[in-house]
Amino acid sequence: MAVSELLTDRGADNLELSLLAGGAGLDNIINRPRIQKPGLALAGFLEYIHSGRVQILGKSEVSFLEERPPTERSRIVSQLCRQGGSCFIVTSGLEPPQELLEETEKHAVPLLGTSLPSSVIIDALSQFLEDRLAPRAVIHGVFLDVYGLGVLLLGDSGVGKSECALDLVVRGHRLVSDDVVEIKRRNSLLIGTGPELTRYHMELRGLGIVNVKDLFGVAAVRMTKFLEYVIRLDPWRAGKRYDRLGLDEMSYEILGVELPYVEMPVGPGRNLSVLIEVAARNHLLKLKGYHPARELARRLGERLQPGRQHDDREEPRSAVGLRPEREDG
């Protein structure tokens, strides 16, 4: 992102930034979310300056510069400006030295000011940059909260994703986005949301555009959700092999993160909303350590062991009480 976005982006309003000098460098790129305080660099250790980062000048840095003679101040700031930093931010409403204003203007490195103290601006700016610089992807699908599990429905256009999502909403689940899902990655987590313009809207063929929030209330939607499970709705094709036991573990990669994935055949008479609910419940049980298919395979293997006496009255291990309560982080 460009430095100019720190001044123009609505999400950066709480940073209270203003341009002091170096306006010609507002197109400089910020490509790292971590913030840097160039304390050692002021003393001559320039190898610690990383390009593409925002440099914070707090009370200690400004005081250090003010104690130096004017010529030395100019030399220090000139060296800093040539190290590739995206911009400087003077915190706590401090008055920057004249040499700092002159050198940043000369080298086209934006000098910004804020009344916020260094600790506050570092925390707020780090969160803002982590959000803005997070890897992103846009996927055609429907994103829902089903039993607290973030479920992404994929499939060809017209396969019935929106109609299935509407049925799930009627059954008490929550819509995040229909048709277009914006996904960003934070560490190993994926967060999905909908475009601001079309948020909470759904297209239903033959009916048109509806607003789910207006129709069913605020409890039927949510703005964001962690993406944890992917289901592809696939038109039933004769001869295609579908998993019937549930022993095969497939995954779907989004932004380098592998997610649990199933292909669900779509055919006449199949109640997709119920099947998706069962898939979500089953996955939640797996997260608790109970895998029904593997449990059945284990019991079958024990029955087939030679010389083993079997009790036909043996009951299967119960999964009652294993359903977890899901909460967002």
C-alpha atoms as a PDB file:
ATOM      1  CA  MET A   1       0.000   0.000   0.000  1.00  0.00           C
ATOM      2  CA  ALA A   2       1.066   3.608  -0.556  1.00  0.00           C
ATOM      3  CA  VAL A   3       1.874   6.020   2.264  1.00  0.00           C
ATOM      4  CA  SER A   4      -0.904   8.294   0.990  1.00  0.00           C
ATOM      5  CA  GLU A   5      -3.462   5.707   2.151  1.00  0.00           C
ATOM      6  CA  LEU A   6      -2.514   6.467   5.760  1.00  0.00           C
ATOM      7  CA  LEU A   7      -3.988   9.925   5.178  1.00  0.00           C
ATOM      8  CA  THR A   8      -6.940   9.055   2.936  1.00  0.00           C
ATOM      9  CA  ASP A   9      -8.182   5.625   4.097  1.00  0.00           C
ATOM     10  CA  ARG A  10     -11.195   5.822   6.409  1.00  0.00           C
ATOM     11  CA  GLY A  11      -9.809   2.911   8.427  1.00  0.00           C
ATOM     12  CA  ALA A  12      -6.812   5.070   9.386  1.00  0.00           C
ATOM     13  CA  ASP A  13      -8.909   7.880  10.901  1.00  0.00           C
ATOM     14  CA  ASN A  14      -8.022   6.857  14.460  1.00  0.00           C
ATOM     15  CA  LEU A  15      -4.323   7.359  13.677  1.00  0.00           C
ATOM     16  CA  GLU A  16      -4.788  11.163  13.555  1.00  0.00           C
ATOM     17  CA  LEU A  17      -1.999  11.604  11.017  1.00  0.00           C
ATOM     18  CA  SER A  18      -1.122  14.778   9.148  1.00  0.00           C
ATOM     19  CA  LEU A  19       1.546  15.544   6.533  1.00  0.00           C
ATOM     20  CA  LEU A  20       4.428  17.728   7.745  1.00  0.00           C
ATOM     21  CA  ALA A  21       6.928  17.400   4.873  1.00  0.00           C
ATOM     22  CA  GLY A  22       7.982  15.164   1.985  1.00  0.00           C
ATOM     23  CA  GLY A  23       4.666  15.200   0.149  1.00  0.00           C
ATOM     24  CA  ALA A  24       6.394  14.195  -3.101  1.00  0.00           C
ATOM     25  CA  GLY A  25       6.977  10.723  -1.616  1.00  0.00           C
ATOM     26  CA  LEU A  26       3.381   9.867  -0.727  1.00  0.00           C
ATOM     27  CA  ASP A  27       3.515   7.125  -3.368  1.00  0.00           C
ATOM     28  CA  ASN A  28       6.235   5.313  -1.396  1.00  0.00           C
ATOM     29  CA  ILE A  29       5.205   1.717  -0.731  1.00  0.00           C
ATOM     30  CA  ILE A  30       4.662   0.181   2.697  1.00  0.00           C
ATOM     31  CA  ASN A  31       5.080  -3.574   2.301  1.00  0.00           C
ATOM     32  CA  ARG A  32       5.668  -4.709   5.877  1.00  0.00           C
ATOM     33  CA  PRO A  33       3.207  -4.485   8.774  1.00  0.00           C
ATOM     34  CA  ARG A  34       5.877  -4.320  11.468  1.00  0.00           C
ATOM     35  CA  ILE A  35       6.742  -0.851  12.759  1.00  0.00           C
ATOM     36  CA  GLN A  36      10.322   0.232  13.484  1.00  0.00           C
ATOM     37  CA  LYS A  37      11.877   2.748  15.862  1.00  0.00           C
ATOM     38  CA  PRO A  38      15.255   3.773  14.380  1.00  0.00           C
ATOM     39  CA  GLY A  39      17.044   4.279  17.683  1.00  0.00           C
ATOM     40  CA  LEU A  40      20.241   2.399  16.772  1.00  0.00           C
ATOM     41  CA  ALA A  41      20.200   3.845  13.263  1.00  0.00           C
ATOM     42  CA  LEU A  42      20.428   7.368  14.697  1.00  0.00           C
ATOM     43  CA  ALA A  43      23.706   6.317  16.309  1.00  0.00           C
ATOM     44  CA  GLY A  44      25.062   5.065  12.977  1.00  0.00           C
ATOM     45  CA  PHE A  45      23.938   1.414  12.858  1.00  0.00           C
ATOM     46  CA  LEU A  46      22.123   1.832   9.563  1.00  0.00           C
ATOM     47  CA  GLU A  47      22.029  -1.886   8.756  1.00  0.00           C
ATOM     48  CA  TYR A  48      19.134  -2.194  11.211  1.00  0.00           C
ATOM     49  CA  ILE A  49      16.887  -0.064   9.006  1.00  0.00           C
ATOM     50  CA  HIS A  50      14.503  -2.198   6.898  1.00  0.00           C
ATOM     51  CA  SER A  51      13.063  -0.851   3.683  1.00  0.00           C
ATOM     52  CA  GLY A  52       9.303  -0.752   3.259  1.00  0.00           C
ATOM     53  CA  ARG A  53       8.630  -0.109   6.951  1.00  0.00           C
ATOM     54  CA  VAL A  54       7.170   2.852   8.798  1.00  0.00           C
ATOM     55  CA  GLN A  55       9.722   4.565  11.054  1.00  0.00           C
ATOM     56  CA  ILE A  56       8.503   5.996  14.373  1.00  0.00           C
ATOM     57  CA  LEU A  57      10.239   9.008  15.913  1.00  0.00           C
ATOM     58  CA  GLY A  58       9.184   9.393  19.528  1.00  0.00           C
ATOM     59  CA  LYS A  59      10.438  11.536  22.381  1.00  0.00           C
ATOM     60  CA  SER A  60      13.754   9.709  22.739  1.00  0.00           C
ATOM     61  CA  GLU A  61      14.561   9.915  18.996  1.00  0.00           C
ATOM     62  CA  VAL A  62      13.588  13.589  18.689  1.00  0.00           C
ATOM     63  CA  SER A  63      15.521  14.468  21.866  1.00  0.00           C
ATOM     64  CA  PHE A  64      18.596  12.666  20.521  1.00  0.00           C
ATOM     65  CA  LEU A  65      18.429  14.691  17.287  1.00  0.00           C
ATOM     66  CA  GLU A  66      17.926  17.990  19.114  1.00  0.00           C
ATOM     67  CA  GLU A  67      21.093  17.374  21.172  1.00  0.00           C
ATOM     68  CA  ARG A  68      23.206  17.082  18.013  1.00  0.00           C
ATOM     69  CA  PRO A  69      24.687  20.085  16.178  1.00  0.00           C
ATOM     70  CA  PRO A  70      22.669  21.207  13.108  1.00  0.00           C
ATOM     71  CA  THR A  71      25.176  19.828  10.587  1.00  0.00           C
ATOM     72  CA  GLU A  72      25.245  16.459  12.302  1.00  0.00           C
ATOM     73  CA  ARG A  73      21.437  16.424  12.460  1.00  0.00           C
ATOM     74  CA  SER A  74      21.294  16.971   8.703  1.00  0.00           C
ATOM     75  CA  ARG A  75      23.807  14.190   8.094  1.00  0.00           C
ATOM     76  CA  ILE A  76      21.965  11.693  10.320  1.00  0.00           C
ATOM     77  CA  VAL A  77      18.560  12.401   8.808  1.00  0.00           C
ATOM     78  CA  SER A  78      19.976  12.334   5.273  1.00  0.00           C
ATOM     79  CA  GLN A  79      21.445   8.883   5.910  1.00  0.00           C
ATOM     80  CA  LEU A  80      18.146   7.654   7.308  1.00  0.00           C
ATOM     81  CA  CYS A  81      16.220   8.929   4.285  1.00  0.00           C
ATOM     82  CA  ARG A  82      18.495   6.998   1.921  1.00  0.00           C
ATOM     83  CA  GLN A  83      17.863   3.634   3.656  1.00  0.00           C
ATOM     84  CA  GLY A  84      14.514   2.972   1.965  1.00  0.00           C
ATOM     85  CA  GLY A  85      12.115   3.640   4.816  1.00  0.00           C
ATOM     86  CA  SER A  86       8.582   4.298   3.600  1.00  0.00           C
ATOM     87  CA  CYS A  87       7.916   7.287   5.859  1.00  0.00           C
ATOM     88  CA  PHE A  88       8.593   8.816   9.267  1.00  0.00           C
ATOM     89  CA  ILE A  89       5.961   9.503  11.911  1.00  0.00           C
ATOM     90  CA  VAL A  90       6.662  11.984  14.704  1.00  0.00           C
ATOM     91  CA  THR A  91       4.493  11.099  17.710  1.00  0.00           C
ATOM     92  CA  SER A  92       3.164  12.859  20.831  1.00  0.00           C
ATOM     93  CA  GLY A  93       2.628  16.130  18.960  1.00  0.00           C
ATOM     94  CA  LEU A  94       6.371  16.846  19.054  1.00  0.00           C
ATOM     95  CA  GLU A  95       7.857  19.667  17.009  1.00  0.00           C
ATOM     96  CA  PRO A  96      10.299  18.083  14.501  1.00  0.00           C
ATOM     97  CA  PRO A  97      13.737  19.678  14.111  1.00  0.00           C
ATOM     98  CA  GLN A  98      14.089  21.953  11.086  1.00  0.00           C
ATOM     99  CA  GLU A  99      16.727  19.678   9.576  1.00  0.00           C
ATOM    100  CA  LEU A 100      14.290  16.768   9.721  1.00  0.00           C
ATOM    101  CA  LEU A 101      11.735  18.786   7.763  1.00  0.00           C
ATOM    102  CA  GLU A 102      14.301  19.902   5.196  1.00  0.00           C
ATOM    103  CA  GLU A 103      15.921  16.500   4.581  1.00  0.00           C
ATOM    104  CA  THR A 104      12.635  14.577   4.298  1.00  0.00           C
ATOM    105  CA  GLU A 105      11.410  17.175   1.817  1.00  0.00           C
ATOM    106  CA  LYS A 106      14.679  16.956  -0.117  1.00  0.00           C
ATOM    107  CA  HIS A 107      14.659  13.140  -0.314  1.00  0.00           C
ATOM    108  CA  ALA A 108      10.887  12.843  -0.889  1.00  0.00           C
ATOM    109  CA  VAL A 109      10.309  10.748   2.234  1.00  0.00           C
ATOM    110  CA  PRO A 110       6.979  11.675   3.843  1.00  0.00           C
ATOM    111  CA  LEU A 111       7.165  13.050   7.371  1.00  0.00           C
ATOM    112  CA  LEU A 112       3.877  12.603   9.221  1.00  0.00           C
ATOM    113  CA  GLY A 113       2.843  13.872  12.620  1.00  0.00           C
ATOM    114  CA  THR A 114       0.340  12.709  15.226  1.00  0.00           C
ATOM    115  CA  SER A 115      -0.677  13.777  18.707  1.00  0.00           C
ATOM    116  CA  LEU A 116      -0.852  10.148  19.850  1.00  0.00           C
ATOM    117  CA  PRO A 117       2.009   8.723  21.968  1.00  0.00           C
ATOM    118  CA  SER A 118       4.372   6.189  20.405  1.00  0.00           C
ATOM    119  CA  SER A 119       2.902   3.158  22.186  1.00  0.00           C
ATOM    120  CA  VAL A 120      -0.634   3.937  21.008  1.00  0.00           C
ATOM    121  CA  ILE A 121       0.319   4.742  17.407  1.00  0.00           C
ATOM    122  CA  ILE A 122       2.463   1.589  17.136  1.00  0.00           C
ATOM    123  CA  ASP A 123      -0.396  -0.660  18.301  1.00  0.00           C
ATOM    124  CA  ALA A 124      -3.045   1.051  16.157  1.00  0.00           C
ATOM    125  CA  LEU A 125      -0.852   1.289  13.066  1.00  0.00           C
ATOM    126  CA  SER A 126       0.297  -2.333  13.366  1.00  0.00           C
ATOM    127  CA  GLN A 127      -3.302  -3.555  13.445  1.00  0.00           C
ATOM    128  CA  PHE A 128      -4.217  -1.337  10.498  1.00  0.00           C
ATOM    129  CA  LEU A 129      -1.253  -2.532   8.393  1.00  0.00           C
ATOM    130  CA  GLU A 130      -1.777  -6.203   9.274  1.00  0.00           C
ATOM    131  CA  ASP A 131      -5.317  -5.910   7.992  1.00  0.00           C
ATOM    132  CA  ARG A 132      -4.424  -3.947   4.848  1.00  0.00           C
ATOM    133  CA  LEU A 133      -1.341  -6.002   3.926  1.00  0.00           C
ATOM    134  CA  ALA A 134      -2.866  -9.426   4.637  1.00  0.00           C
ATOM    135  CA  PRO A 135      -2.909 -11.788   1.607  1.00  0.00           C
ATOM    136  CA  ARG A 136      -6.350 -11.712  -0.013  1.00  0.00           C
ATOM    137  CA  ALA A 137      -8.442 -13.724  -2.440  1.00  0.00           C
ATOM    138  CA  VAL A 138     -11.895 -13.315  -3.970  1.00  0.00           C
ATOM    139  CA  ILE A 139     -13.868 -16.539  -4.492  1.00  0.00           C
ATOM    140  CA  HIS A 140     -17.194 -17.223  -6.188  1.00  0.00           C
ATOM    141  CA  GLY A 141     -19.323 -19.033  -3.623  1.00  0.00           C
ATOM    142  CA  VAL A 142     -21.561 -18.684  -0.588  1.00  0.00           C
ATOM    143  CA  PHE A 143     -20.197 -18.315   2.934  1.00  0.00           C
ATOM    144  CA  LEU A 144     -22.255 -19.280   5.999  1.00  0.00           C
ATOM    145  CA  ASP A 145     -22.022 -19.784   9.731  1.00  0.00           C
ATOM    146  CA  VAL A 146     -23.450 -23.267  10.380  1.00  0.00           C
ATOM    147  CA  TYR A 147     -23.441 -24.303  14.042  1.00  0.00           C
ATOM    148  CA  GLY A 148     -20.570 -21.864  14.596  1.00  0.00           C
ATOM    149  CA  LEU A 149     -18.528 -23.427  11.792  1.00  0.00           C
ATOM    150  CA  GLY A 150     -17.480 -21.221   8.863  1.00  0.00           C
ATOM    151  CA  VAL A 151     -18.669 -23.172   5.801  1.00  0.00           C
ATOM    152  CA  LEU A 152     -17.861 -22.125   2.222  1.00  0.00           C
ATOM    153  CA  LEU A 153     -20.152 -23.519  -0.475  1.00  0.00           C
ATOM    154  CA  LEU A 154     -18.589 -23.849  -3.922  1.00  0.00           C
ATOM    155  CA  GLY A 155     -20.066 -25.029  -7.207  1.00  0.00           C
ATOM    156  CA  ASP A 156     -20.910 -24.034 -10.750  1.00  0.00           C
ATOM    157  CA  SER A 157     -23.289 -21.180 -11.377  1.00  0.00           C
ATOM    158  CA  GLY A 158     -26.903 -22.385 -11.135  1.00  0.00           C
ATOM    159  CA  VAL A 159     -26.159 -25.489  -9.070  1.00  0.00           C
ATOM    160  CA  GLY A 160     -28.286 -24.155  -6.193  1.00  0.00           C
ATOM    161  CA  LYS A 161     -25.821 -22.593  -3.739  1.00  0.00           C
ATOM    162  CA  SER A 162     -27.958 -19.546  -2.973  1.00  0.00           C
ATOM    163  CA  GLU A 163     -31.188 -21.535  -2.615  1.00  0.00           C
ATOM    164  CA  CYS A 164     -29.432 -23.941  -0.258  1.00  0.00           C
ATOM    165  CA  ALA A 165     -28.013 -21.010   1.736  1.00  0.00           C
ATOM    166  CA  LEU A 166     -31.483 -19.464   1.991  1.00  0.00           C
ATOM    167  CA  ASP A 167     -32.877 -22.725   3.354  1.00  0.00           C
ATOM    168  CA  LEU A 168     -30.081 -22.812   5.942  1.00  0.00           C
ATOM    169  CA  VAL A 169     -30.857 -19.230   6.985  1.00  0.00           C
ATOM    170  CA  VAL A 170     -34.520 -20.174   7.430  1.00  0.00           C
ATOM    171  CA  ARG A 171     -33.349 -23.083   9.611  1.00  0.00           C
ATOM    172  CA  GLY A 172     -31.543 -20.649  11.925  1.00  0.00           C
ATOM    173  CA  HIS A 173     -28.039 -20.404  10.494  1.00  0.00           C
ATOM    174  CA  ARG A 174     -26.321 -17.178   9.447  1.00  0.00           C
ATOM    175  CA  LEU A 175     -25.290 -15.763   6.076  1.00  0.00           C
ATOM    176  CA  VAL A 176     -21.918 -14.054   5.689  1.00  0.00           C
ATOM    177  CA  SER A 177     -21.813 -13.528   1.922  1.00  0.00           C
ATOM    178  CA  ASP A 178     -23.555 -14.700  -1.235  1.00  0.00           C
ATOM    179  CA  ASP A 179     -21.950 -14.997  -4.683  1.00  0.00           C
ATOM    180  CA  VAL A 180     -18.691 -13.160  -3.878  1.00  0.00           C
ATOM    181  CA  VAL A 181     -16.591 -13.991  -0.817  1.00  0.00           C
ATOM    182  CA  GLU A 182     -13.582 -11.866   0.115  1.00  0.00           C
ATOM    183  CA  ILE A 183     -11.011 -13.867   2.063  1.00  0.00           C
ATOM    184  CA  LYS A 184      -7.911 -12.636   3.833  1.00  0.00           C
ATOM    185  CA  ARG A 185      -5.251 -14.582   5.677  1.00  0.00           C
ATOM    186  CA  ARG A 186      -3.917 -13.750   9.121  1.00  0.00           C
ATOM    187  CA  ASN A 187      -1.145 -16.124  10.136  1.00  0.00           C
ATOM    188  CA  SER A 188      -2.729 -19.565   9.555  1.00  0.00           C
ATOM    189  CA  LEU A 189      -6.330 -18.336   9.834  1.00  0.00           C
ATOM    190  CA  LEU A 190      -8.658 -17.359   7.007  1.00  0.00           C
ATOM    191  CA  ILE A 191     -11.317 -14.701   7.533  1.00  0.00           C
ATOM    192  CA  GLY A 192     -14.189 -14.336   5.088  1.00  0.00           C
ATOM    193  CA  THR A 193     -16.569 -11.448   4.489  1.00  0.00           C
ATOM    194  CA  GLY A 194     -18.706  -9.986   1.738  1.00  0.00           C
ATOM    195  CA  PRO A 195     -18.170  -6.887  -0.431  1.00  0.00           C
ATOM    196  CA  GLU A 196     -19.438  -3.788   1.335  1.00  0.00           C
ATOM    197  CA  LEU A 197     -21.738  -2.835  -1.545  1.00  0.00           C
ATOM    198  CA  THR A 198     -23.590  -6.181  -1.727  1.00  0.00           C
ATOM    199  CA  ARG A 199     -23.276  -7.260   1.907  1.00  0.00           C
ATOM    200  CA  TYR A 200     -26.261  -9.301   3.199  1.00  0.00           C
ATOM    201  CA  HIS A 201     -27.847  -9.407  -0.276  1.00  0.00           C
ATOM    202  CA  MET A 202     -28.680 -12.630  -2.094  1.00  0.00           C
ATOM    203  CA  GLU A 203     -29.611 -13.346  -5.715  1.00  0.00           C
ATOM    204  CA  LEU A 204     -32.411 -15.880  -6.203  1.00  0.00           C
ATOM    205  CA  ARG A 205     -33.214 -16.863  -9.782  1.00  0.00           C
ATOM    206  CA  GLY A 206     -36.796 -15.999 -10.630  1.00  0.00           C
ATOM    207  CA  LEU A 207     -37.144 -13.808  -7.556  1.00  0.00           C
ATOM    208  CA  GLY A 208     -34.300 -11.328  -7.891  1.00  0.00           C
ATOM    209  CA  ILE A 209     -32.189  -9.626  -5.238  1.00  0.00           C
ATOM    210  CA  VAL A 210     -33.286  -9.885  -1.603  1.00  0.00           C
ATOM    211  CA  ASN A 211     -31.789  -8.440   1.575  1.00  0.00           C
ATOM    212  CA  VAL A 212     -31.432 -11.266   4.093  1.00  0.00           C
ATOM    213  CA  LYS A 213     -30.875  -8.888   7.000  1.00  0.00           C
ATOM    214  CA  ASP A 214     -34.104  -6.991   6.269  1.00  0.00           C
ATOM    215  CA  LEU A 215     -36.107 -10.182   5.695  1.00  0.00           C
ATOM    216  CA  PHE A 216     -34.944 -12.293   8.647  1.00  0.00           C
ATOM    217  CA  GLY A 217     -33.335  -9.822  11.042  1.00  0.00           C
ATOM    218  CA  VAL A 218     -29.846  -9.089  12.264  1.00  0.00           C
ATOM    219  CA  ALA A 219     -29.517 -12.550  13.850  1.00  0.00           C
ATOM    220  CA  ALA A 220     -29.601 -14.135  10.372  1.00  0.00           C
ATOM    221  CA  VAL A 221     -26.369 -12.489   9.173  1.00  0.00           C
ATOM    222  CA  ARG A 222     -22.868 -11.719  10.315  1.00  0.00           C
ATOM    223  CA  MET A 223     -20.156  -9.499   8.847  1.00  0.00           C
ATOM    224  CA  THR A 224     -17.122 -11.806   9.142  1.00  0.00           C
ATOM    225  CA  LYS A 225     -16.364 -15.410  10.054  1.00  0.00           C
ATOM    226  CA  PHE A 226     -13.348 -17.689  10.232  1.00  0.00           C
ATOM    227  CA  LEU A 227     -13.308 -20.026   7.218  1.00  0.00           C
ATOM    228  CA  GLU A 228     -12.926 -23.624   8.410  1.00  0.00           C
ATOM    229  CA  TYR A 229     -14.733 -26.003   6.039  1.00  0.00           C
ATOM    230  CA  VAL A 230     -15.305 -26.193   2.268  1.00  0.00           C
ATOM    231  CA  ILE A 231     -18.157 -28.051   0.539  1.00  0.00           C
ATOM    232  CA  ARG A 232     -18.480 -28.291  -3.230  1.00  0.00           C
ATOM    233  CA  LEU A 233     -21.957 -28.865  -4.620  1.00  0.00           C
ATOM    234  CA  ASP A 234     -21.383 -31.063  -7.655  1.00  0.00           C
ATOM    235  CA  PRO A 235     -24.139 -32.049 -10.156  1.00  0.00           C
ATOM    236  CA  TRP A 236     -24.608 -35.809 -10.004  1.00  0.00           C
ATOM    237  CA  ARG A 237     -22.710 -37.483 -12.839  1.00  0.00           C
ATOM    238  CA  ALA A 238     -23.094 -41.133 -13.671  1.00  0.00           C
ATOM    239  CA  GLY A 239     -19.859 -43.030 -13.285  1.00  0.00           C
ATOM    240  CA  LYS A 240     -18.161 -40.501 -11.004  1.00  0.00           C
ATOM    241  CA  ARG A 241     -16.868 -41.994  -7.774  1.00  0.00           C
ATOM    242  CA  TYR A 242     -18.059 -40.301  -4.606  1.00  0.00           C
ATOM    243  CA  ASP A 243     -16.821 -41.049  -1.104  1.00  0.00           C
ATOM    244  CA  ARG A 244     -19.358 -43.338   0.582  1.00  0.00           C
ATOM    245  CA  LEU A 245     -17.526 -44.252   3.779  1.00  0.00           C
ATOM    246  CA  GLY A 246     -16.049 -40.940   4.871  1.00  0.00           C
ATOM    247  CA  LEU A 247     -12.572 -42.391   5.362  1.00  0.00           C
ATOM    248  CA  ASP A 248     -10.976 -40.287   2.627  1.00  0.00           C
ATOM    249  CA  GLU A 249      -9.691 -36.955   3.950  1.00  0.00           C
ATOM    250  CA  MET A 250      -9.577 -34.329   1.201  1.00  0.00           C
ATOM    251  CA  SER A 251      -8.383 -30.752   1.485  1.00  0.00           C
ATOM    252  CA  TYR A 252      -8.877 -27.500  -0.402  1.00  0.00           C
ATOM    253  CA  GLU A 253      -6.130 -24.867  -0.498  1.00  0.00           C
ATOM    254  CA  ILE A 254      -6.907 -21.166  -0.138  1.00  0.00           C
ATOM    255  CA  LEU A 255      -4.051 -18.660   0.252  1.00  0.00           C
ATOM    256  CA  GLY A 256      -1.708 -21.492   1.193  1.00  0.00           C
ATOM    257  CA  VAL A 257      -3.975 -22.850   3.967  1.00  0.00           C
ATOM    258  CA  GLU A 258      -5.312 -26.408   3.655  1.00  0.00           C
ATOM    259  CA  LEU A 259      -8.974 -26.712   4.667  1.00  0.00           C
ATOM    260  CA  PRO A 260     -11.148 -29.831   5.141  1.00  0.00           C
ATOM    261  CA  TYR A 261     -13.096 -30.401   1.927  1.00  0.00           C
ATOM    262  CA  VAL A 262     -15.942 -32.597   0.717  1.00  0.00           C
ATOM    263  CA  GLU A 263     -17.727 -32.973  -2.607  1.00  0.00           C
ATOM    264  CA  MET A 264     -21.467 -33.315  -2.220  1.00  0.00           C
ATOM    265  CA  PRO A 265     -23.398 -34.626  -5.251  1.00  0.00           C
ATOM    266  CA  VAL A 266     -26.531 -32.672  -6.135  1.00  0.00           C
ATOM    267  CA  GLY A 267     -29.459 -34.670  -7.486  1.00  0.00           C
ATOM    268  CA  PRO A 268     -33.264 -34.796  -7.425  1.00  0.00           C
ATOM    269  CA  GLY A 269     -34.673 -35.510  -3.992  1.00  0.00           C
ATOM    270  CA  ARG A 270     -31.514 -34.668  -2.035  1.00  0.00           C
ATOM    271  CA  ASN A 271     -32.116 -32.272   0.856  1.00  0.00           C
ATOM    272  CA  LEU A 272     -28.894 -30.292   0.637  1.00  0.00           C
ATOM    273  CA  SER A 273     -29.502 -28.064   3.650  1.00  0.00           C
ATOM    274  CA  VAL A 274     -29.924 -31.085   5.921  1.00  0.00           C
ATOM    275  CA  LEU A 275     -26.843 -32.751   4.416  1.00  0.00           C
ATOM    276  CA  ILE A 276     -24.774 -29.607   5.005  1.00  0.00           C
ATOM    277  CA  GLU A 277     -25.984 -29.451   8.602  1.00  0.00           C
ATOM    278  CA  VAL A 278     -24.966 -33.093   9.090  1.00  0.00           C
ATOM    279  CA  ALA A 279     -21.575 -32.426   7.444  1.00  0.00           C
ATOM    280  CA  ALA A 280     -20.989 -29.500   9.814  1.00  0.00           C
ATOM    281  CA  ARG A 281     -22.020 -31.536  12.877  1.00  0.00           C
ATOM    282  CA  ASN A 282     -19.839 -34.435  11.762  1.00  0.00           C
ATOM    283  CA  HIS A 283     -16.827 -32.155  11.306  1.00  0.00           C
ATOM    284  CA  LEU A 284     -17.350 -30.664  14.766  1.00  0.00           C
ATOM    285  CA  LEU A 285     -17.307 -34.198  16.192  1.00  0.00           C
ATOM    286  CA  LYS A 286     -14.049 -34.894  14.357  1.00  0.00           C
ATOM    287  CA  LEU A 287     -12.540 -31.763  15.926  1.00  0.00           C
ATOM    288  CA  LYS A 288     -13.400 -33.325  19.291  1.00  0.00           C
ATOM    289  CA  GLY A 289     -11.583 -36.515  18.336  1.00  0.00           C
ATOM    290  CA  TYR A 290     -14.555 -38.690  17.372  1.00  0.00           C
ATOM    291  CA  HIS A 291     -14.432 -39.970  13.774  1.00  0.00           C
ATOM    292  CA  PRO A 292     -17.514 -42.151  13.084  1.00  0.00           C
ATOM    293  CA  ALA A 293     -16.173 -43.832   9.931  1.00  0.00           C
ATOM    294  CA  ARG A 294     -12.845 -44.691  11.533  1.00  0.00           C
ATOM    295  CA  GLU A 295     -14.614 -45.937  14.646  1.00  0.00           C
ATOM    296  CA  LEU A 296     -16.746 -48.280  12.550  1.00  0.00           C
ATOM    297  CA  ALA A 297     -13.668 -49.459  10.622  1.00  0.00           C
ATOM    298  CA  ARG A 298     -11.884 -50.128  13.933  1.00  0.00           C
ATOM    299  CA  ARG A 299     -14.765 -52.190  15.298  1.00  0.00           C
ATOM    300  CA  LEU A 300     -15.075 -54.084  12.032  1.00  0.00           C
ATOM    301  CA  GLY A 301     -11.361 -54.852  12.101  1.00  0.00           C
ATOM    302  CA  GLU A 302     -11.663 -56.192  15.644  1.00  0.00           C
ATOM    303  CA  ARG A 303     -14.571 -58.429  14.608  1.00  0.00           C
ATOM    304  CA  LEU A 304     -12.536 -59.874  11.754  1.00  0.00           C
ATOM    305  CA  GLN A 305      -9.566 -60.841  13.931  1.00  0.00           C
ATOM    306  CA  PRO A 306      -9.281 -64.664  13.999  1.00  0.00           C
ATOM    307  CA  GLY A 307      -9.922 -66.424  17.292  1.00  0.00           C
ATOM    308  CA  ARG A 308     -11.668 -63.439  18.859  1.00  0.00           C
ATOM    309  CA  GLN A 309     -14.979 -64.041  20.604  1.00  0.00           C
ATOM    310  CA  HIS A 310     -17.587 -61.417  19.855  1.00  0.00           C
ATOM    311  CA  ASP A 311     -20.472 -60.147  21.891  1.00  0.00           C
ATOM    312  CA  ASP A 312     -23.236 -59.220  19.469  1.00  0.00           C
ATOM    313  CA  ARG A 313     -24.795 -57.129  22.174  1.00  0.00           C
ATOM    314  CA  GLU A 314     -21.806 -54.800  22.231  1.00  0.00           C
ATOM    315  CA  GLU A 315     -22.914 -51.222  21.850  1.00  0.00           C
ATOM    316  CA  PRO A 316     -20.936 -48.731  19.767  1.00  0.00           C
ATOM    317  CA  ARG A 317     -19.084 -45.965  21.517  1.00  0.00           C
ATOM    318  CA  SER A 318     -21.414 -43.072  22.108  1.00  0.00           C
ATOM    319  CA  ALA A 319     -20.743 -39.639  20.658  1.00  0.00           C
ATOM    320  CA  VAL A 320     -23.376 -38.023  22.880  1.00  0.00           C
ATOM    321  CA  GLY A 321     -22.032 -34.908  24.565  1.00  0.00           C
ATOM    322  CA  LEU A 322     -19.131 -34.484  22.166  1.00  0.00           C
ATOM    323  CA  ARG A 323     -20.658 -31.620  20.224  1.00  0.00           C
ATOM    324  CA  PRO A 324     -18.445 -28.602  21.026  1.00  0.00           C
ATOM    325  CA  GLU A 325     -19.509 -25.031  21.540  1.00  0.00           C
ATOM    326  CA  ARG A 326     -17.949 -22.911  18.798  1.00  0.00           C
ATOM    327  CA  GLU A 327     -16.881 -19.343  19.346  1.00  0.00           C
ATOM    328  CA  ASP A 328     -14.916 -16.941  17.169  1.00  0.00           C
ATOM    329  CA  GLY A 329     -11.503 -15.849  18.306  1.00  0.00           C
END
